[in-house]
Amino acid sequence: MTVFSSTSVLQKTAGVTLSKPVQVTLYMLLSSLIIWTVLFSTYPAAHNTAHSARHHTLGVACH
């Protein structure tokens, strides 16, 4: 019979979930999702703010 100590299981879990590649991947996915949601939002306040910021910061001519 094998008995797992709760600390070893937590350490293994923390080692996997807190590794740098996992953190970077989750950060990039979350950031991309937020940017995608705001830029393509139909909610007027979010859309107008993102639209104005896009034109002012990127120098994109208005359609």
N, C-alpha and C. Protein backbone atom coordinates (compact mmCIF):
# COMPACT_ATOMS: atom_id res chain seq x y z
N MET A 1 0.84 -1.16 0.00
CA MET A 1 0.00 0.00 0.00
C MET A 1 0.89 1.24 0.00
N THR A 2 0.60 2.16 -0.90
CA THR A 2 1.37 3.39 -1.01
C THR A 2 0.57 4.54 -0.43
N VAL A 3 1.23 5.31 0.42
CA VAL A 3 0.58 6.46 1.03
C VAL A 3 1.27 7.71 0.52
N PHE A 4 0.49 8.60 -0.09
CA PHE A 4 1.04 9.86 -0.58
C PHE A 4 0.90 10.91 0.51
N SER A 5 1.98 11.59 0.77
CA SER A 5 1.87 12.68 1.73
C SER A 5 1.31 13.90 1.00
N SER A 6 0.53 14.68 1.70
CA SER A 6 -0.10 15.83 1.05
C SER A 6 0.93 16.86 0.63
N THR A 7 2.05 16.95 1.31
CA THR A 7 3.06 17.95 0.94
C THR A 7 3.75 17.56 -0.36
N SER A 8 4.02 16.29 -0.59
CA SER A 8 4.68 15.91 -1.83
C SER A 8 3.76 16.12 -3.03
N VAL A 9 2.49 15.85 -2.87
CA VAL A 9 1.53 16.07 -3.96
C VAL A 9 1.42 17.57 -4.25
N LEU A 10 1.36 18.38 -3.20
CA LEU A 10 1.28 19.83 -3.39
C LEU A 10 2.54 20.38 -4.02
N GLN A 11 3.69 19.86 -3.64
CA GLN A 11 4.94 20.32 -4.22
C GLN A 11 5.01 19.97 -5.70
N LYS A 12 4.59 18.78 -6.07
CA LYS A 12 4.59 18.39 -7.47
C LYS A 12 3.62 19.26 -8.27
N THR A 13 2.45 19.51 -7.72
CA THR A 13 1.46 20.35 -8.39
C THR A 13 1.97 21.77 -8.55
N ALA A 14 2.56 22.32 -7.51
CA ALA A 14 3.10 23.68 -7.56
C ALA A 14 4.24 23.75 -8.55
N GLY A 15 5.04 22.72 -8.64
CA GLY A 15 6.15 22.70 -9.59
C GLY A 15 5.68 22.73 -11.03
N VAL A 16 4.57 22.09 -11.32
CA VAL A 16 4.03 22.07 -12.67
C VAL A 16 3.30 23.36 -12.99
N THR A 17 2.44 23.79 -12.11
CA THR A 17 1.60 24.94 -12.43
C THR A 17 2.34 26.27 -12.31
N LEU A 18 3.43 26.32 -11.54
CA LEU A 18 4.13 27.57 -11.35
C LEU A 18 5.43 27.64 -12.15
N SER A 19 5.65 26.71 -13.07
CA SER A 19 6.85 26.76 -13.87
C SER A 19 6.78 27.96 -14.83
N LYS A 20 7.90 28.49 -15.19
CA LYS A 20 7.95 29.69 -16.03
C LYS A 20 7.26 29.49 -17.39
N PRO A 21 7.49 28.39 -18.10
CA PRO A 21 6.79 28.22 -19.39
C PRO A 21 5.27 28.22 -19.26
N VAL A 22 4.77 27.60 -18.19
CA VAL A 22 3.33 27.57 -17.97
C VAL A 22 2.81 28.97 -17.64
N GLN A 23 3.53 29.70 -16.82
CA GLN A 23 3.13 31.07 -16.47
C GLN A 23 3.11 31.95 -17.71
N VAL A 24 4.15 31.87 -18.53
CA VAL A 24 4.23 32.70 -19.73
C VAL A 24 3.11 32.35 -20.69
N THR A 25 2.85 31.07 -20.87
CA THR A 25 1.78 30.64 -21.78
C THR A 25 0.42 31.12 -21.29
N LEU A 26 0.14 30.95 -20.02
CA LEU A 26 -1.14 31.41 -19.48
C LEU A 26 -1.28 32.92 -19.57
N TYR A 27 -0.21 33.64 -19.29
CA TYR A 27 -0.23 35.10 -19.37
C TYR A 27 -0.51 35.55 -20.80
N MET A 28 0.15 34.94 -21.77
CA MET A 28 -0.05 35.33 -23.17
C MET A 28 -1.46 34.99 -23.65
N LEU A 29 -1.96 33.84 -23.24
CA LEU A 29 -3.32 33.46 -23.64
C LEU A 29 -4.36 34.40 -23.03
N LEU A 30 -4.21 34.71 -21.76
CA LEU A 30 -5.14 35.61 -21.10
C LEU A 30 -5.07 37.02 -21.69
N SER A 31 -3.87 37.50 -21.94
CA SER A 31 -3.69 38.83 -22.54
C SER A 31 -4.31 38.87 -23.94
N SER A 32 -4.07 37.85 -24.72
CA SER A 32 -4.64 37.80 -26.06
C SER A 32 -6.16 37.77 -26.03
N LEU A 33 -6.71 37.00 -25.11
CA LEU A 33 -8.17 36.93 -24.98
C LEU A 33 -8.76 38.28 -24.60
N ILE A 34 -8.12 38.97 -23.67
CA ILE A 34 -8.62 40.28 -23.25
C ILE A 34 -8.53 41.28 -24.40
N ILE A 35 -7.41 41.30 -25.09
CA ILE A 35 -7.25 42.23 -26.22
C ILE A 35 -8.26 41.92 -27.32
N TRP A 36 -8.42 40.65 -27.66
CA TRP A 36 -9.38 40.23 -28.69
C TRP A 36 -10.79 40.65 -28.30
N THR A 37 -11.15 40.43 -27.04
CA THR A 37 -12.50 40.76 -26.57
C THR A 37 -12.76 42.26 -26.64
N VAL A 38 -11.80 43.06 -26.22
CA VAL A 38 -11.99 44.51 -26.23
C VAL A 38 -12.01 45.06 -27.65
N LEU A 39 -11.09 44.61 -28.49
CA LEU A 39 -11.02 45.15 -29.85
C LEU A 39 -12.23 44.79 -30.70
N PHE A 40 -12.80 43.63 -30.47
CA PHE A 40 -13.94 43.20 -31.28
C PHE A 40 -15.24 43.24 -30.50
N SER A 41 -15.27 44.03 -29.46
CA SER A 41 -16.47 44.15 -28.64
C SER A 41 -17.52 44.98 -29.35
N THR A 42 -18.77 44.62 -29.14
CA THR A 42 -19.86 45.44 -29.66
C THR A 42 -20.43 46.35 -28.59
N TYR A 43 -19.91 46.23 -27.37
CA TYR A 43 -20.31 47.13 -26.28
C TYR A 43 -19.74 48.51 -26.60
N PRO A 44 -20.59 49.51 -26.78
CA PRO A 44 -20.15 50.81 -27.28
C PRO A 44 -19.01 51.47 -26.50
N ALA A 45 -19.06 51.42 -25.18
CA ALA A 45 -18.01 52.08 -24.40
C ALA A 45 -16.65 51.43 -24.64
N ALA A 46 -16.60 50.11 -24.60
CA ALA A 46 -15.34 49.40 -24.82
C ALA A 46 -14.87 49.56 -26.26
N HIS A 47 -15.79 49.44 -27.21
CA HIS A 47 -15.43 49.55 -28.62
C HIS A 47 -14.89 50.94 -28.96
N ASN A 48 -15.57 51.97 -28.50
CA ASN A 48 -15.15 53.34 -28.84
C ASN A 48 -13.80 53.68 -28.22
N THR A 49 -13.58 53.24 -27.00
CA THR A 49 -12.29 53.49 -26.35
C THR A 49 -11.16 52.76 -27.06
N ALA A 50 -11.37 51.50 -27.38
CA ALA A 50 -10.35 50.72 -28.09
C ALA A 50 -10.13 51.27 -29.49
N HIS A 51 -11.19 51.70 -30.14
CA HIS A 51 -11.10 52.25 -31.48
C HIS A 51 -10.27 53.53 -31.48
N SER A 52 -10.55 54.41 -30.56
CA SER A 52 -9.80 55.66 -30.45
C SER A 52 -8.33 55.40 -30.11
N ALA A 53 -8.09 54.51 -29.18
CA ALA A 53 -6.71 54.19 -28.79
C ALA A 53 -5.94 53.59 -29.95
N ARG A 54 -6.60 52.73 -30.71
CA ARG A 54 -5.94 52.10 -31.86
C ARG A 54 -5.54 53.14 -32.88
N HIS A 55 -6.41 54.10 -33.15
CA HIS A 55 -6.10 55.13 -34.14
C HIS A 55 -5.04 56.11 -33.64
N HIS A 56 -5.07 56.44 -32.37
CA HIS A 56 -4.11 57.40 -31.82
C HIS A 56 -2.72 56.79 -31.65
N THR A 57 -2.64 55.52 -31.25
CA THR A 57 -1.33 54.94 -30.98
C THR A 57 -0.67 54.32 -32.20
N LEU A 58 -1.45 53.79 -33.11
CA LEU A 58 -0.88 53.13 -34.26
C LEU A 58 -0.85 54.01 -35.50
N GLY A 59 -1.48 55.15 -35.44
CA GLY A 59 -1.49 56.05 -36.59
C GLY A 59 -2.31 55.50 -37.75
N VAL A 60 -3.28 54.69 -37.44
CA VAL A 60 -4.12 54.08 -38.48
C VAL A 60 -5.16 55.11 -38.91
N ALA A 61 -5.29 55.29 -40.20
CA ALA A 61 -6.30 56.21 -40.72
C ALA A 61 -7.68 55.64 -40.46
N CYS A 62 -8.63 56.52 -40.19
CA CYS A 62 -9.98 56.05 -39.93
C CYS A 62 -10.62 55.58 -41.23
N HIS A 63 -11.46 54.60 -41.12
CA HIS A 63 -12.10 54.03 -42.28
C HIS A 63 -13.03 55.05 -42.83
